[in-house]
């Protein structure tokens, strides 16, 4: 389960859906108990490349954090940012559960 937090307005909900679908397809959750979550931070460049991928808040379980990072790495590039989105890149905090 994911929650994306960034400066995308409601008008770009379709982009958030595409981003989450791609990351979800690359997410392989380790066999750990329920209630475990980590927060990934990354920037999406205009062309969709993921940069500055890191763990913003650790789950406390190394295997879980590494799996979250792998899902992010495997998801680059994402679709290009929407043309109407004015910034050069988008910072995202993504809670991975």
PDB file of N, CA and C in Angstrom:
ATOM      1  N   UNK A   1       0.859  -1.183   0.000  1.00  0.00           N
ATOM      2  CA  UNK A   1       0.000   0.000   0.000  1.00  0.00           C
ATOM      3  C   UNK A   1       0.893   1.230   0.000  1.00  0.00           C
ATOM      4  N   UNK A   2       0.523   2.243  -0.737  1.00  0.00           N
ATOM      5  CA  UNK A   2       1.376   3.408  -0.920  1.00  0.00           C
ATOM      6  C   UNK A   2       0.603   4.698  -0.697  1.00  0.00           C
ATOM      7  N   UNK A   3       1.290   5.699  -0.239  1.00  0.00           N
ATOM      8  CA  UNK A   3       0.727   7.043  -0.178  1.00  0.00           C
ATOM      9  C   UNK A   3       1.788   7.971  -0.767  1.00  0.00           C
ATOM     10  N   UNK A   4       1.438   8.671  -1.818  1.00  0.00           N
ATOM     11  CA  UNK A   4       2.384   9.608  -2.430  1.00  0.00           C
ATOM     12  C   UNK A   4       2.133  10.992  -1.868  1.00  0.00           C
ATOM     13  N   UNK A   5       3.191  11.650  -1.475  1.00  0.00           N
ATOM     14  CA  UNK A   5       3.088  13.005  -0.961  1.00  0.00           C
ATOM     15  C   UNK A   5       4.066  13.854  -1.754  1.00  0.00           C
ATOM     16  N   UNK A   6       3.564  14.796  -2.494  1.00  0.00           N
ATOM     17  CA  UNK A   6       4.430  15.677  -3.267  1.00  0.00           C
ATOM     18  C   UNK A   6       3.647  16.928  -3.561  1.00  0.00           C
ATOM     19  N   UNK A   7       4.130  17.727  -4.493  1.00  0.00           N
ATOM     20  CA  UNK A   7       3.402  18.954  -4.807  1.00  0.00           C
ATOM     21  C   UNK A   7       2.589  18.796  -6.087  1.00  0.00           C
ATOM     22  N   UNK A   8       2.140  17.575  -6.383  1.00  0.00           N
ATOM     23  CA  UNK A   8       1.245  17.361  -7.525  1.00  0.00           C
ATOM     24  C   UNK A   8      -0.156  17.791  -7.119  1.00  0.00           C
ATOM     25  N   UNK A   9      -0.784  18.565  -7.961  1.00  0.00           N
ATOM     26  CA  UNK A   9      -2.154  18.967  -7.677  1.00  0.00           C
ATOM     27  C   UNK A   9      -3.118  17.860  -8.101  1.00  0.00           C
ATOM     28  N   UNK A  10      -4.350  17.993  -7.691  1.00  0.00           N
ATOM     29  CA  UNK A  10      -5.374  17.008  -8.039  1.00  0.00           C
ATOM     30  C   UNK A  10      -5.435  16.760  -9.537  1.00  0.00           C
ATOM     31  N   UNK A  11      -5.122  17.762 -10.320  1.00  0.00           N
ATOM     32  CA  UNK A  11      -5.187  17.641 -11.784  1.00  0.00           C
ATOM     33  C   UNK A  11      -4.241  16.564 -12.305  1.00  0.00           C
ATOM     34  N   UNK A  12      -3.245  16.198 -11.499  1.00  0.00           N
ATOM     35  CA  UNK A  12      -2.263  15.211 -11.947  1.00  0.00           C
ATOM     36  C   UNK A  12      -2.451  13.862 -11.265  1.00  0.00           C
ATOM     37  N   UNK A  13      -3.642  13.609 -10.778  1.00  0.00           N
ATOM     38  CA  UNK A  13      -3.909  12.333 -10.118  1.00  0.00           C
ATOM     39  C   UNK A  13      -3.604  11.144 -11.006  1.00  0.00           C
ATOM     40  N   UNK A  14      -3.852  11.281 -12.307  1.00  0.00           N
ATOM     41  CA  UNK A  14      -3.558  10.189 -13.235  1.00  0.00           C
ATOM     42  C   UNK A  14      -2.060   9.869 -13.239  1.00  0.00           C
ATOM     43  N   UNK A  15      -1.231  10.904 -13.077  1.00  0.00           N
ATOM     44  CA  UNK A  15       0.217  10.674 -13.067  1.00  0.00           C
ATOM     45  C   UNK A  15       0.612   9.914 -11.802  1.00  0.00           C
ATOM     46  N   UNK A  16       0.040  10.308 -10.676  1.00  0.00           N
ATOM     47  CA  UNK A  16       0.315   9.608  -9.416  1.00  0.00           C
ATOM     48  C   UNK A  16      -0.095   8.139  -9.554  1.00  0.00           C
ATOM     49  N   UNK A  17      -1.247   7.876 -10.173  1.00  0.00           N
ATOM     50  CA  UNK A  17      -1.694   6.494 -10.383  1.00  0.00           C
ATOM     51  C   UNK A  17      -0.688   5.710 -11.219  1.00  0.00           C
ATOM     52  N   UNK A  18      -0.167   6.328 -12.283  1.00  0.00           N
ATOM     53  CA  UNK A  18       0.824   5.651 -13.139  1.00  0.00           C
ATOM     54  C   UNK A  18       2.105   5.366 -12.362  1.00  0.00           C
ATOM     55  N   UNK A  19       2.550   6.344 -11.574  1.00  0.00           N
ATOM     56  CA  UNK A  19       3.762   6.177 -10.781  1.00  0.00           C
ATOM     57  C   UNK A  19       3.597   5.022  -9.789  1.00  0.00           C
ATOM     58  N   UNK A  20       2.463   5.017  -9.069  1.00  0.00           N
ATOM     59  CA  UNK A  20       2.228   3.974  -8.071  1.00  0.00           C
ATOM     60  C   UNK A  20       2.097   2.602  -8.712  1.00  0.00           C
ATOM     61  N   UNK A  21       1.471   2.542  -9.882  1.00  0.00           N
ATOM     62  CA  UNK A  21       1.320   1.252 -10.570  1.00  0.00           C
ATOM     63  C   UNK A  21       2.686   0.685 -10.942  1.00  0.00           C
ATOM     64  N   UNK A  22       3.576   1.526 -11.439  1.00  0.00           N
ATOM     65  CA  UNK A  22       4.898   1.040 -11.847  1.00  0.00           C
ATOM     66  C   UNK A  22       5.701   0.594 -10.642  1.00  0.00           C
ATOM     67  N   UNK A  23       5.715   1.403  -9.577  1.00  0.00           N
ATOM     68  CA  UNK A  23       6.478   1.024  -8.387  1.00  0.00           C
ATOM     69  C   UNK A  23       5.880  -0.232  -7.763  1.00  0.00           C
ATOM     70  N   UNK A  24       4.553  -0.312  -7.725  1.00  0.00           N
ATOM     71  CA  UNK A  24       3.884  -1.488  -7.169  1.00  0.00           C
ATOM     72  C   UNK A  24       4.271  -2.760  -7.923  1.00  0.00           C
ATOM     73  N   UNK A  25       4.400  -2.656  -9.235  1.00  0.00           N
ATOM     74  CA  UNK A  25       4.744  -3.838 -10.042  1.00  0.00           C
ATOM     75  C   UNK A  25       6.170  -4.310  -9.755  1.00  0.00           C
ATOM     76  N   UNK A  26       6.998  -3.431  -9.197  1.00  0.00           N
ATOM     77  CA  UNK A  26       8.384  -3.786  -8.870  1.00  0.00           C
ATOM     78  C   UNK A  26       8.599  -4.052  -7.379  1.00  0.00           C
ATOM     79  N   UNK A  27       7.548  -3.964  -6.594  1.00  0.00           N
ATOM     80  CA  UNK A  27       7.643  -4.122  -5.134  1.00  0.00           C
ATOM     81  C   UNK A  27       7.486  -5.583  -4.768  1.00  0.00           C
ATOM     82  N   UNK A  28       8.491  -6.112  -4.095  1.00  0.00           N
ATOM     83  CA  UNK A  28       8.448  -7.482  -3.584  1.00  0.00           C
ATOM     84  C   UNK A  28       8.628  -7.393  -2.075  1.00  0.00           C
ATOM     85  N   UNK A  29       7.498  -7.471  -1.363  1.00  0.00           N
ATOM     86  CA  UNK A  29       7.523  -7.262   0.084  1.00  0.00           C
ATOM     87  C   UNK A  29       8.172  -8.437   0.798  1.00  0.00           C
ATOM     88  N   UNK A  30       9.194  -8.178   1.615  1.00  0.00           N
ATOM     89  CA  UNK A  30       9.811  -9.259   2.396  1.00  0.00           C
ATOM     90  C   UNK A  30       8.806  -9.847   3.393  1.00  0.00           C
ATOM     91  N   UNK A  31       9.092 -11.040   3.829  1.00  0.00           N
ATOM     92  CA  UNK A  31       8.222 -11.705   4.806  1.00  0.00           C
ATOM     93  C   UNK A  31       8.511 -11.140   6.198  1.00  0.00           C
ATOM     94  N   UNK A  32       7.858 -10.037   6.490  1.00  0.00           N
ATOM     95  CA  UNK A  32       7.956  -9.396   7.804  1.00  0.00           C
ATOM     96  C   UNK A  32       6.530  -9.182   8.291  1.00  0.00           C
ATOM     97  N   UNK A  33       6.390  -8.896   9.554  1.00  0.00           N
ATOM     98  CA  UNK A  33       5.062  -8.734  10.125  1.00  0.00           C
ATOM     99  C   UNK A  33       4.308  -7.544   9.554  1.00  0.00           C
ATOM    100  N   UNK A  34       3.036  -7.467   9.891  1.00  0.00           N
ATOM    101  CA  UNK A  34       2.215  -6.339   9.439  1.00  0.00           C
ATOM    102  C   UNK A  34       2.609  -5.084  10.218  1.00  0.00           C
ATOM    103  N   UNK A  35       2.205  -3.951   9.705  1.00  0.00           N
ATOM    104  CA  UNK A  35       2.484  -2.692  10.380  1.00  0.00           C
ATOM    105  C   UNK A  35       3.868  -2.133  10.098  1.00  0.00           C
ATOM    106  N   UNK A  36       4.636  -2.822   9.244  1.00  0.00           N
ATOM    107  CA  UNK A  36       5.978  -2.348   8.908  1.00  0.00           C
ATOM    108  C   UNK A  36       5.865  -1.381   7.731  1.00  0.00           C
ATOM    109  N   UNK A  37       6.543  -0.234   7.822  1.00  0.00           N
ATOM    110  CA  UNK A  37       6.552   0.707   6.713  1.00  0.00           C
ATOM    111  C   UNK A  37       7.851   1.493   6.709  1.00  0.00           C
ATOM    112  N   UNK A  38       8.217   1.924   5.510  1.00  0.00           N
ATOM    113  CA  UNK A  38       9.383   2.785   5.324  1.00  0.00           C
ATOM    114  C   UNK A  38       8.953   3.923   4.411  1.00  0.00           C
ATOM    115  N   UNK A  39       9.658   5.032   4.482  1.00  0.00           N
ATOM    116  CA  UNK A  39       9.373   6.153   3.595  1.00  0.00           C
ATOM    117  C   UNK A  39      10.553   6.346   2.654  1.00  0.00           C
ATOM    118  N   UNK A  40      10.263   6.251   1.360  1.00  0.00           N
ATOM    119  CA  UNK A  40      11.257   6.527   0.327  1.00  0.00           C
ATOM    120  C   UNK A  40      11.176   8.002  -0.042  1.00  0.00           C
ATOM    121  N   UNK A  41      12.321   8.601  -0.332  1.00  0.00           N
ATOM    122  CA  UNK A  41      12.344   9.932  -0.917  1.00  0.00           C
ATOM    123  C   UNK A  41      13.032   9.812  -2.263  1.00  0.00           C
ATOM    124  N   UNK A  42      12.476  10.491  -3.272  1.00  0.00           N
ATOM    125  CA  UNK A  42      13.148  10.566  -4.567  1.00  0.00           C
ATOM    126  C   UNK A  42      12.637  11.772  -5.327  1.00  0.00           C
ATOM    127  N   UNK A  43      13.393  12.151  -6.341  1.00  0.00           N
ATOM    128  CA  UNK A  43      12.995  13.225  -7.250  1.00  0.00           C
ATOM    129  C   UNK A  43      12.737  12.602  -8.605  1.00  0.00           C
ATOM    130  N   UNK A  44      11.653  13.049  -9.243  1.00  0.00           N
ATOM    131  CA  UNK A  44      11.339  12.623 -10.593  1.00  0.00           C
ATOM    132  C   UNK A  44      11.734  13.771 -11.521  1.00  0.00           C
ATOM    133  N   UNK A  45      12.641  13.499 -12.446  1.00  0.00           N
ATOM    134  CA  UNK A  45      13.053  14.505 -13.426  1.00  0.00           C
ATOM    135  C   UNK A  45      11.967  14.625 -14.496  1.00  0.00           C
ATOM    136  N   UNK A  46      12.026  15.684 -15.299  1.00  0.00           N
ATOM    137  CA  UNK A  46      11.010  15.901 -16.346  1.00  0.00           C
ATOM    138  C   UNK A  46      10.853  14.680 -17.246  1.00  0.00           C
ATOM    139  N   UNK A  47      11.967  13.997 -17.546  1.00  0.00           N
ATOM    140  CA  UNK A  47      11.907  12.838 -18.445  1.00  0.00           C
ATOM    141  C   UNK A  47      11.504  11.544 -17.738  1.00  0.00           C
ATOM    142  N   UNK A  48      11.209  11.616 -16.435  1.00  0.00           N
ATOM    143  CA  UNK A  48      10.753  10.456 -15.689  1.00  0.00           C
ATOM    144  C   UNK A  48      11.835   9.726 -14.910  1.00  0.00           C
ATOM    145  N   UNK A  49      13.092  10.112 -15.116  1.00  0.00           N
ATOM    146  CA  UNK A  49      14.161   9.432 -14.378  1.00  0.00           C
ATOM    147  C   UNK A  49      14.047   9.727 -12.884  1.00  0.00           C
ATOM    148  N   UNK A  50      14.309   8.710 -12.092  1.00  0.00           N
ATOM    149  CA  UNK A  50      14.309   8.842 -10.630  1.00  0.00           C
ATOM    150  C   UNK A  50      15.729   9.175 -10.184  1.00  0.00           C
ATOM    151  N   UNK A  51      15.852  10.229  -9.391  1.00  0.00           N
ATOM    152  CA  UNK A  51      17.141  10.676  -8.858  1.00  0.00           C
ATOM    153  C   UNK A  51      17.026  10.815  -7.338  1.00  0.00           C
ATOM    154  N   UNK A  52      18.173  10.819  -6.668  1.00  0.00           N
ATOM    155  CA  UNK A  52      18.263  11.059  -5.216  1.00  0.00           C
ATOM    156  C   UNK A  52      17.402  10.083  -4.411  1.00  0.00           C
ATOM    157  N   UNK A  53      17.330   8.855  -4.857  1.00  0.00           N
ATOM    158  CA  UNK A  53      16.539   7.838  -4.155  1.00  0.00           C
ATOM    159  C   UNK A  53      17.206   7.489  -2.829  1.00  0.00           C
ATOM    160  N   UNK A  54      16.434   7.586  -1.754  1.00  0.00           N
ATOM    161  CA  UNK A  54      16.975   7.261  -0.435  1.00  0.00           C
ATOM    162  C   UNK A  54      15.836   6.867   0.503  1.00  0.00           C
ATOM    163  N   UNK A  55      16.220   6.317   1.636  1.00  0.00           N
ATOM    164  CA  UNK A  55      15.251   6.016   2.695  1.00  0.00           C
ATOM    165  C   UNK A  55      15.139   7.253   3.581  1.00  0.00           C
ATOM    166  N   UNK A  56      13.978   7.890   3.567  1.00  0.00           N
ATOM    167  CA  UNK A  56      13.756   9.076   4.388  1.00  0.00           C
ATOM    168  C   UNK A  56      13.431   8.679   5.826  1.00  0.00           C
ATOM    169  N   UNK A  57      12.732   7.556   5.978  1.00  0.00           N
ATOM    170  CA  UNK A  57      12.417   7.034   7.316  1.00  0.00           C
ATOM    171  C   UNK A  57      12.484   5.519   7.251  1.00  0.00           C
ATOM    172  N   UNK A  58      13.389   4.959   7.997  1.00  0.00           N
ATOM    173  CA  UNK A  58      13.627   3.521   7.973  1.00  0.00           C
ATOM    174  C   UNK A  58      12.503   2.758   8.660  1.00  0.00           C
ATOM    175  N   UNK A  59      12.291   1.546   8.178  1.00  0.00           N
ATOM    176  CA  UNK A  59      11.338   0.643   8.830  1.00  0.00           C
ATOM    177  C   UNK A  59      11.959   0.002  10.066  1.00  0.00           C
ATOM    178  N   UNK A  60      13.291   0.082  10.159  1.00  0.00           N
ATOM    179  CA  UNK A  60      13.999  -0.605  11.229  1.00  0.00           C
ATOM    180  C   UNK A  60      14.380  -2.019  10.842  1.00  0.00           C
ATOM    181  N   UNK A  61      13.965  -2.436   9.649  1.00  0.00           N
ATOM    182  CA  UNK A  61      14.278  -3.779   9.150  1.00  0.00           C
ATOM    183  C   UNK A  61      15.040  -3.610   7.834  1.00  0.00           C
ATOM    184  N   UNK A  62      16.321  -3.953   7.857  1.00  0.00           N
ATOM    185  CA  UNK A  62      17.187  -3.717   6.714  1.00  0.00           C
ATOM    186  C   UNK A  62      16.643  -4.333   5.427  1.00  0.00           C
ATOM    187  N   UNK A  63      16.162  -5.570   5.490  1.00  0.00           N
ATOM    188  CA  UNK A  63      15.666  -6.247   4.286  1.00  0.00           C
ATOM    189  C   UNK A  63      14.475  -5.501   3.683  1.00  0.00           C
ATOM    190  N   UNK A  64      13.622  -4.945   4.533  1.00  0.00           N
ATOM    191  CA  UNK A  64      12.452  -4.203   4.063  1.00  0.00           C
ATOM    192  C   UNK A  64      12.894  -2.905   3.382  1.00  0.00           C
ATOM    193  N   UNK A  65      13.814  -2.183   4.018  1.00  0.00           N
ATOM    194  CA  UNK A  65      14.318  -0.934   3.442  1.00  0.00           C
ATOM    195  C   UNK A  65      14.990  -1.189   2.094  1.00  0.00           C
ATOM    196  N   UNK A  66      15.808  -2.239   2.023  1.00  0.00           N
ATOM    197  CA  UNK A  66      16.490  -2.562   0.764  1.00  0.00           C
ATOM    198  C   UNK A  66      15.503  -2.941  -0.327  1.00  0.00           C
ATOM    199  N   UNK A  67      14.445  -3.663   0.024  1.00  0.00           N
ATOM    200  CA  UNK A  67      13.425  -4.036  -0.962  1.00  0.00           C
ATOM    201  C   UNK A  67      12.715  -2.784  -1.481  1.00  0.00           C
ATOM    202  N   UNK A  68      12.468  -1.828  -0.604  1.00  0.00           N
ATOM    203  CA  UNK A  68      11.837  -0.573  -1.016  1.00  0.00           C
ATOM    204  C   UNK A  68      12.751   0.185  -1.986  1.00  0.00           C
ATOM    205  N   UNK A  69      14.042   0.246  -1.665  1.00  0.00           N
ATOM    206  CA  UNK A  69      14.997   0.913  -2.559  1.00  0.00           C
ATOM    207  C   UNK A  69      15.064   0.209  -3.910  1.00  0.00           C
ATOM    208  N   UNK A  70      15.066  -1.123  -3.903  1.00  0.00           N
ATOM    209  CA  UNK A  70      15.105  -1.881  -5.164  1.00  0.00           C
ATOM    210  C   UNK A  70      13.868  -1.586  -6.014  1.00  0.00           C
ATOM    211  N   UNK A  71      12.707  -1.495  -5.383  1.00  0.00           N
ATOM    212  CA  UNK A  71      11.481  -1.186  -6.133  1.00  0.00           C
ATOM    213  C   UNK A  71      11.593   0.185  -6.792  1.00  0.00           C
ATOM    214  N   UNK A  72      12.152   1.147  -6.074  1.00  0.00           N
ATOM    215  CA  UNK A  72      12.339   2.480  -6.641  1.00  0.00           C
ATOM    216  C   UNK A  72      13.327   2.471  -7.793  1.00  0.00           C
ATOM    217  N   UNK A  73      14.455   1.784  -7.606  1.00  0.00           N
ATOM    218  CA  UNK A  73      15.473   1.717  -8.666  1.00  0.00           C
ATOM    219  C   UNK A  73      14.924   1.049  -9.914  1.00  0.00           C
ATOM    220  N   UNK A  74      14.190  -0.037  -9.732  1.00  0.00           N
ATOM    221  CA  UNK A  74      13.655  -0.794 -10.866  1.00  0.00           C
ATOM    222  C   UNK A  74      12.560  -0.035 -11.606  1.00  0.00           C
ATOM    223  N   UNK A  75      12.012   1.000 -10.980  1.00  0.00           N
ATOM    224  CA  UNK A  75      10.901   1.747 -11.569  1.00  0.00           C
ATOM    225  C   UNK A  75      11.353   2.946 -12.402  1.00  0.00           C
ATOM    226  N   UNK A  76      12.654   3.188 -12.446  1.00  0.00           N
ATOM    227  CA  UNK A  76      13.170   4.303 -13.230  1.00  0.00           C
ATOM    228  C   UNK A  76      13.501   3.832 -14.636  1.00  0.00           C
ATOM    229  N   UNK A  77      13.023   4.496 -15.671  1.00  0.00           N
ATOM    230  CA  UNK A  77      12.281   5.747 -15.604  1.00  0.00           C
ATOM    231  C   UNK A  77      10.784   5.530 -15.418  1.00  0.00           C
ATOM    232  N   UNK A  78      10.173   6.496 -14.768  1.00  0.00           N
ATOM    233  CA  UNK A  78       8.718   6.586 -14.691  1.00  0.00           C
ATOM    234  C   UNK A  78       8.241   7.324 -15.944  1.00  0.00           C
ATOM    235  N   UNK A  79       6.926   7.427 -16.147  1.00  0.00           N
ATOM    236  CA  UNK A  79       6.465   8.262 -17.260  1.00  0.00           C
ATOM    237  C   UNK A  79       6.980   9.696 -17.080  1.00  0.00           C
ATOM    238  N   UNK A  80       7.209  10.418 -18.179  1.00  0.00           N
ATOM    239  CA  UNK A  80       7.633  11.818 -18.054  1.00  0.00           C
ATOM    240  C   UNK A  80       6.605  12.621 -17.260  1.00  0.00           C
ATOM    241  N   UNK A  81       7.090  13.642 -16.551  1.00  0.00           N
ATOM    242  CA  UNK A  81       6.175  14.508 -15.804  1.00  0.00           C
ATOM    243  C   UNK A  81       5.181  15.148 -16.778  1.00  0.00           C
ATOM    244  N   UNK A  82       3.967  15.429 -16.311  1.00  0.00           N
ATOM    245  CA  UNK A  82       2.973  16.069 -17.188  1.00  0.00           C
ATOM    246  C   UNK A  82       3.502  17.385 -17.748  1.00  0.00           C
ATOM    247  N   UNK A  83       3.194  17.660 -19.006  1.00  0.00           N
ATOM    248  CA  UNK A  83       3.680  18.899 -19.644  1.00  0.00           C
ATOM    249  C   UNK A  83       3.235  20.138 -18.894  1.00  0.00           C
ATOM    250  N   UNK A  84       2.039  20.109 -18.344  1.00  0.00           N
ATOM    251  CA  UNK A  84       1.510  21.289 -17.652  1.00  0.00           C
ATOM    252  C   UNK A  84       2.160  21.500 -16.283  1.00  0.00           C
ATOM    253  N   UNK A  85       2.866  20.480 -15.782  1.00  0.00           N
ATOM    254  CA  UNK A  85       3.562  20.612 -14.500  1.00  0.00           C
ATOM    255  C   UNK A  85       4.777  21.508 -14.728  1.00  0.00           C
ATOM    256  N   UNK A  86       4.847  22.625 -14.027  1.00  0.00           N
ATOM    257  CA  UNK A  86       5.806  23.670 -14.360  1.00  0.00           C
ATOM    258  C   UNK A  86       7.223  23.477 -13.810  1.00  0.00           C
ATOM    259  N   UNK A  87       7.375  22.663 -12.800  1.00  0.00           N
ATOM    260  CA  UNK A  87       8.698  22.497 -12.182  1.00  0.00           C
ATOM    261  C   UNK A  87       9.586  21.574 -13.029  1.00  0.00           C
ATOM    262  N   UNK A  88      10.899  21.684 -12.804  1.00  0.00           N
ATOM    263  CA  UNK A  88      11.853  20.833 -13.538  1.00  0.00           C
ATOM    264  C   UNK A  88      11.919  19.418 -12.971  1.00  0.00           C
ATOM    265  N   UNK A  89      11.544  19.274 -11.703  1.00  0.00           N
ATOM    266  CA  UNK A  89      11.533  17.955 -11.083  1.00  0.00           C
ATOM    267  C   UNK A  89      10.499  17.969  -9.963  1.00  0.00           C
ATOM    268  N   UNK A  90      10.164  16.790  -9.493  1.00  0.00           N
ATOM    269  CA  UNK A  90       9.155  16.642  -8.451  1.00  0.00           C
ATOM    270  C   UNK A  90       9.722  15.815  -7.315  1.00  0.00           C
ATOM    271  N   UNK A  91       9.702  16.367  -6.104  1.00  0.00           N
ATOM    272  CA  UNK A  91      10.128  15.620  -4.923  1.00  0.00           C
ATOM    273  C   UNK A  91       8.956  14.808  -4.383  1.00  0.00           C
ATOM    274  N   UNK A  92       9.221  13.544  -4.071  1.00  0.00           N
ATOM    275  CA  UNK A  92       8.169  12.648  -3.602  1.00  0.00           C
ATOM    276  C   UNK A  92       8.630  11.932  -2.339  1.00  0.00           C
ATOM    277  N   UNK A  93       7.754  11.876  -1.361  1.00  0.00           N
ATOM    278  CA  UNK A  93       7.923  10.988  -0.208  1.00  0.00           C
ATOM    279  C   UNK A  93       6.877   9.909  -0.375  1.00  0.00           C
ATOM    280  N   UNK A  94       7.310   8.670  -0.416  1.00  0.00           N
ATOM    281  CA  UNK A  94       6.413   7.554  -0.656  1.00  0.00           C
ATOM    282  C   UNK A  94       6.494   6.582   0.504  1.00  0.00           C
ATOM    283  N   UNK A  95       5.362   6.372   1.160  1.00  0.00           N
ATOM    284  CA  UNK A  95       5.297   5.423   2.271  1.00  0.00           C
ATOM    285  C   UNK A  95       5.024   4.036   1.699  1.00  0.00           C
ATOM    286  N   UNK A  96       5.933   3.121   1.950  1.00  0.00           N
ATOM    287  CA  UNK A  96       5.824   1.756   1.443  1.00  0.00           C
ATOM    288  C   UNK A  96       5.454   0.847   2.610  1.00  0.00           C
ATOM    289  N   UNK A  97       4.387   0.079   2.417  1.00  0.00           N
ATOM    290  CA  UNK A  97       3.920  -0.818   3.486  1.00  0.00           C
ATOM    291  C   UNK A  97       3.921  -2.245   3.005  1.00  0.00           C
TER     292      UNK A  97
END
